[in-house]
Each structure stands twice: as structure tokens, then as C-alpha cells.
Amino acid sequence: MSSKSFVQITGDLNKGLKALHAELPETMKGFSTLAKEAMKEGALSALQKELIALAIGVSARCDGCVGFHVKALIRLGVTREQLMETLGICTYMGGGPSLMYAAEAVRAYDEFVGNAPPAK
């Protein structure tokens, strides 16, 4: 069993992101603008865009990406079925390494919605 906590990962990263915002305000403003524009509803819904972002995070094996995008998906009302189908495509396209991070995305989902098994 992995000892990673996605609550802890996203919390720790938020501290670093705050420092970046304070010390690189224009760079972070530019990134925030890019993110907002890319994620706003258009031909694709916000939920669909977050599922794509999660798929890329899984493929890139990025713990922070998995954590933040799973949290966003939960806020947007993702169903477990939608999450699982997305992770199935990730596994199909990325093989074994993506399968391992798909499992991490499931752990993140369970942790954030309160379904995580008790720590041993």
C-alpha cells in the first residue's frame, strides 16, 4: 500500500505555489490566465476538460496534477464511472506506467471523497 496522501501532496504544493505567487507574480498571473482560459466552458464542458487534464497528469506521472485535477473533478460532480472510464483510456494509451498512476488517481478520489480505507 502506498503511503502517499493526496491531501498532503496538494497541501504541500499549495505552500510552494503561494511562494511562487509572491515572488513571481507576473509569471503566475500569466499561468493563471492561461489556465482559466483553457478550462472555461466551450465546445467541451468544464468536466470534460478536467477529465482530459487528469488523463495528461496520469500519463505524465504527476502526483500533484492527479491530486489537483481529481479535487477539481469532485467539485464538478464527476461520477466514479466517468473517472474509471477516463482511467481506462489512460491505461489503454499508456500501458503499465499509466495503470499505476490510474490506481493512484483512484486512491486520490477515494481519499478526497472520504472512501479511503483506514491507514495501517
C-alpha atoms as a PDB file:
ATOM      1  CA  MET A   1       0.000   0.000   0.000  1.00  0.00           C
ATOM      2  CA  SER A   2       1.272   3.421  -0.911  1.00  0.00           C
ATOM      3  CA  SER A   3       1.880   5.855   1.905  1.00  0.00           C
ATOM      4  CA  LYS A   4       1.183   8.890  -0.287  1.00  0.00           C
ATOM      5  CA  SER A   5      -1.599  11.180   0.811  1.00  0.00           C
ATOM      6  CA  PHE A   6      -3.074  13.332  -1.916  1.00  0.00           C
ATOM      7  CA  VAL A   7      -4.490  15.673   0.719  1.00  0.00           C
ATOM      8  CA  GLN A   8      -0.919  16.120   1.982  1.00  0.00           C
ATOM      9  CA  ILE A   9       0.573  16.390  -1.515  1.00  0.00           C
ATOM     10  CA  THR A  10      -1.837  19.107  -2.627  1.00  0.00           C
ATOM     11  CA  GLY A  11      -1.484  20.926   0.703  1.00  0.00           C
ATOM     12  CA  ASP A  12       2.312  20.898   0.487  1.00  0.00           C
ATOM     13  CA  LEU A  13       2.268  22.043  -3.126  1.00  0.00           C
ATOM     14  CA  ASN A  14      -0.088  24.894  -2.259  1.00  0.00           C
ATOM     15  CA  LYS A  15       2.595  26.243   0.091  1.00  0.00           C
ATOM     16  CA  GLY A  16       5.132  26.272  -2.721  1.00  0.00           C
ATOM     17  CA  LEU A  17       2.629  27.782  -5.127  1.00  0.00           C
ATOM     18  CA  LYS A  18       1.957  30.623  -2.666  1.00  0.00           C
ATOM     19  CA  ALA A  19       5.694  31.369  -2.585  1.00  0.00           C
ATOM     20  CA  LEU A  20       5.799  31.389  -6.376  1.00  0.00           C
ATOM     21  CA  HIS A  21       2.831  33.769  -6.482  1.00  0.00           C
ATOM     22  CA  ALA A  22       4.587  36.085  -4.022  1.00  0.00           C
ATOM     23  CA  GLU A  23       7.974  36.017  -5.730  1.00  0.00           C
ATOM     24  CA  LEU A  24       6.958  35.604  -9.383  1.00  0.00           C
ATOM     25  CA  PRO A  25       3.647  37.461  -9.514  1.00  0.00           C
ATOM     26  CA  GLU A  26       3.635  38.236 -13.231  1.00  0.00           C
ATOM     27  CA  THR A  27       4.660  34.711 -14.227  1.00  0.00           C
ATOM     28  CA  MET A  28       1.981  33.198 -12.013  1.00  0.00           C
ATOM     29  CA  LYS A  29      -0.592  35.721 -13.258  1.00  0.00           C
ATOM     30  CA  GLY A  30       0.196  34.609 -16.805  1.00  0.00           C
ATOM     31  CA  PHE A  31      -0.116  30.941 -15.883  1.00  0.00           C
ATOM     32  CA  SER A  32      -3.407  31.580 -14.060  1.00  0.00           C
ATOM     33  CA  THR A  33      -4.792  33.421 -17.095  1.00  0.00           C
ATOM     34  CA  LEU A  34      -3.753  30.544 -19.360  1.00  0.00           C
ATOM     35  CA  ALA A  35      -5.385  28.008 -17.049  1.00  0.00           C
ATOM     36  CA  LYS A  36      -8.642  29.959 -16.733  1.00  0.00           C
ATOM     37  CA  GLU A  37      -8.938  30.467 -20.474  1.00  0.00           C
ATOM     38  CA  ALA A  38      -8.089  26.848 -21.297  1.00  0.00           C
ATOM     39  CA  MET A  39     -10.533  25.460 -18.737  1.00  0.00           C
ATOM     40  CA  LYS A  40     -13.540  27.672 -19.394  1.00  0.00           C
ATOM     41  CA  GLU A  41     -16.593  26.053 -20.935  1.00  0.00           C
ATOM     42  CA  GLY A  42     -16.804  25.994 -24.705  1.00  0.00           C
ATOM     43  CA  ALA A  43     -17.387  23.098 -27.075  1.00  0.00           C
ATOM     44  CA  LEU A  44     -16.174  20.926 -24.172  1.00  0.00           C
ATOM     45  CA  SER A  45     -17.648  21.173 -20.692  1.00  0.00           C
ATOM     46  CA  ALA A  46     -15.512  22.032 -17.676  1.00  0.00           C
ATOM     47  CA  LEU A  47     -15.903  18.423 -16.540  1.00  0.00           C
ATOM     48  CA  GLN A  48     -14.677  17.061 -19.874  1.00  0.00           C
ATOM     49  CA  LYS A  49     -11.685  19.405 -19.784  1.00  0.00           C
ATOM     50  CA  GLU A  50     -10.795  18.309 -16.244  1.00  0.00           C
ATOM     51  CA  LEU A  51     -11.008  14.657 -17.299  1.00  0.00           C
ATOM     52  CA  ILE A  52      -8.556  15.424 -20.114  1.00  0.00           C
ATOM     53  CA  ALA A  53      -6.281  17.259 -17.669  1.00  0.00           C
ATOM     54  CA  LEU A  54      -6.378  14.273 -15.306  1.00  0.00           C
ATOM     55  CA  ALA A  55      -5.537  11.927 -18.179  1.00  0.00           C
ATOM     56  CA  ILE A  56      -2.490  14.023 -19.033  1.00  0.00           C
ATOM     57  CA  GLY A  57      -1.469  14.117 -15.354  1.00  0.00           C
ATOM     58  CA  VAL A  58      -1.730  10.319 -15.173  1.00  0.00           C
ATOM     59  CA  SER A  59       0.280   9.963 -18.399  1.00  0.00           C
ATOM     60  CA  ALA A  60       2.941  12.375 -17.119  1.00  0.00           C
ATOM     61  CA  ARG A  61       3.018  10.571 -13.743  1.00  0.00           C
ATOM     62  CA  CYS A  62       2.482  13.843 -11.865  1.00  0.00           C
ATOM     63  CA  ASP A  63       1.223  13.346  -8.308  1.00  0.00           C
ATOM     64  CA  GLY A  64       0.299  16.999  -7.907  1.00  0.00           C
ATOM     65  CA  CYS A  65      -1.570  17.034 -11.208  1.00  0.00           C
ATOM     66  CA  VAL A  66      -3.507  13.926 -10.204  1.00  0.00           C
ATOM     67  CA  GLY A  67      -4.377  15.416  -6.817  1.00  0.00           C
ATOM     68  CA  PHE A  68      -5.441  18.846  -8.026  1.00  0.00           C
ATOM     69  CA  HIS A  69      -7.425  17.569 -11.014  1.00  0.00           C
ATOM     70  CA  VAL A  70      -9.212  14.880  -9.002  1.00  0.00           C
ATOM     71  CA  LYS A  71     -10.200  17.570  -6.471  1.00  0.00           C
ATOM     72  CA  ALA A  72     -11.492  19.760  -9.308  1.00  0.00           C
ATOM     73  CA  LEU A  73     -13.405  16.835 -10.796  1.00  0.00           C
ATOM     74  CA  ILE A  74     -15.092  16.126  -7.480  1.00  0.00           C
ATOM     75  CA  ARG A  75     -16.127  19.804  -7.236  1.00  0.00           C
ATOM     76  CA  LEU A  76     -17.587  19.492 -10.741  1.00  0.00           C
ATOM     77  CA  GLY A  77     -19.586  16.392  -9.771  1.00  0.00           C
ATOM     78  CA  VAL A  78     -17.641  13.680 -11.583  1.00  0.00           C
ATOM     79  CA  THR A  79     -19.092  10.230 -11.135  1.00  0.00           C
ATOM     80  CA  ARG A  80     -16.914   7.285 -10.271  1.00  0.00           C
ATOM     81  CA  GLU A  81     -17.970   5.752 -13.595  1.00  0.00           C
ATOM     82  CA  GLN A  82     -16.715   8.807 -15.552  1.00  0.00           C
ATOM     83  CA  LEU A  83     -13.452   8.715 -13.626  1.00  0.00           C
ATOM     84  CA  MET A  84     -12.989   4.991 -14.240  1.00  0.00           C
ATOM     85  CA  GLU A  85     -13.713   5.235 -17.972  1.00  0.00           C
ATOM     86  CA  THR A  86     -11.158   8.031 -18.299  1.00  0.00           C
ATOM     87  CA  LEU A  87      -8.587   5.969 -16.406  1.00  0.00           C
ATOM     88  CA  GLY A  88      -9.335   3.003 -18.668  1.00  0.00           C
ATOM     89  CA  ILE A  89      -8.391   5.117 -21.693  1.00  0.00           C
ATOM     90  CA  CYS A  90      -5.236   6.268 -19.872  1.00  0.00           C
ATOM     91  CA  THR A  91      -4.264   2.650 -19.307  1.00  0.00           C
ATOM     92  CA  TYR A  92      -5.026   1.685 -22.896  1.00  0.00           C
ATOM     93  CA  MET A  93      -2.899   4.504 -24.272  1.00  0.00           C
ATOM     94  CA  GLY A  94      -0.098   4.444 -21.685  1.00  0.00           C
ATOM     95  CA  GLY A  95       0.260   0.802 -20.674  1.00  0.00           C
ATOM     96  CA  GLY A  96       1.633  -0.328 -17.328  1.00  0.00           C
ATOM     97  CA  PRO A  97       3.042   3.001 -16.093  1.00  0.00           C
ATOM     98  CA  SER A  98      -0.290   4.713 -16.734  1.00  0.00           C
ATOM     99  CA  LEU A  99      -2.075   1.834 -14.997  1.00  0.00           C
ATOM    100  CA  MET A 100      -0.024   2.511 -11.851  1.00  0.00           C
ATOM    101  CA  TYR A 101      -0.967   6.206 -11.922  1.00  0.00           C
ATOM    102  CA  ALA A 102      -4.574   5.362 -12.754  1.00  0.00           C
ATOM    103  CA  ALA A 103      -4.586   3.409  -9.482  1.00  0.00           C
ATOM    104  CA  GLU A 104      -3.147   6.499  -7.765  1.00  0.00           C
ATOM    105  CA  ALA A 105      -5.975   8.605  -9.227  1.00  0.00           C
ATOM    106  CA  VAL A 106      -8.496   6.160  -7.759  1.00  0.00           C
ATOM    107  CA  ARG A 107      -6.742   6.461  -4.384  1.00  0.00           C
ATOM    108  CA  ALA A 108      -6.871  10.256  -4.656  1.00  0.00           C
ATOM    109  CA  TYR A 109     -10.589  10.138  -5.490  1.00  0.00           C
ATOM    110  CA  ASP A 110     -11.316   7.822  -2.575  1.00  0.00           C
ATOM    111  CA  GLU A 111      -9.234   9.958  -0.222  1.00  0.00           C
ATOM    112  CA  PHE A 112     -10.925  13.217  -1.220  1.00  0.00           C
ATOM    113  CA  VAL A 113     -14.478  11.819  -1.089  1.00  0.00           C
ATOM    114  CA  GLY A 114     -13.825  10.025   2.195  1.00  0.00           C
ATOM    115  CA  ASN A 115     -13.813   6.443   0.902  1.00  0.00           C
ATOM    116  CA  ALA A 116     -10.167   5.760   1.661  1.00  0.00           C
ATOM    117  CA  PRO A 117      -9.509   2.637   3.707  1.00  0.00           C
ATOM    118  CA  PRO A 118      -8.080   3.268   7.178  1.00  0.00           C
ATOM    119  CA  ALA A 119      -4.285   3.606   7.353  1.00  0.00           C
ATOM    120  CA  LYS A 120      -2.442   0.553   8.629  1.00  0.00           C
END
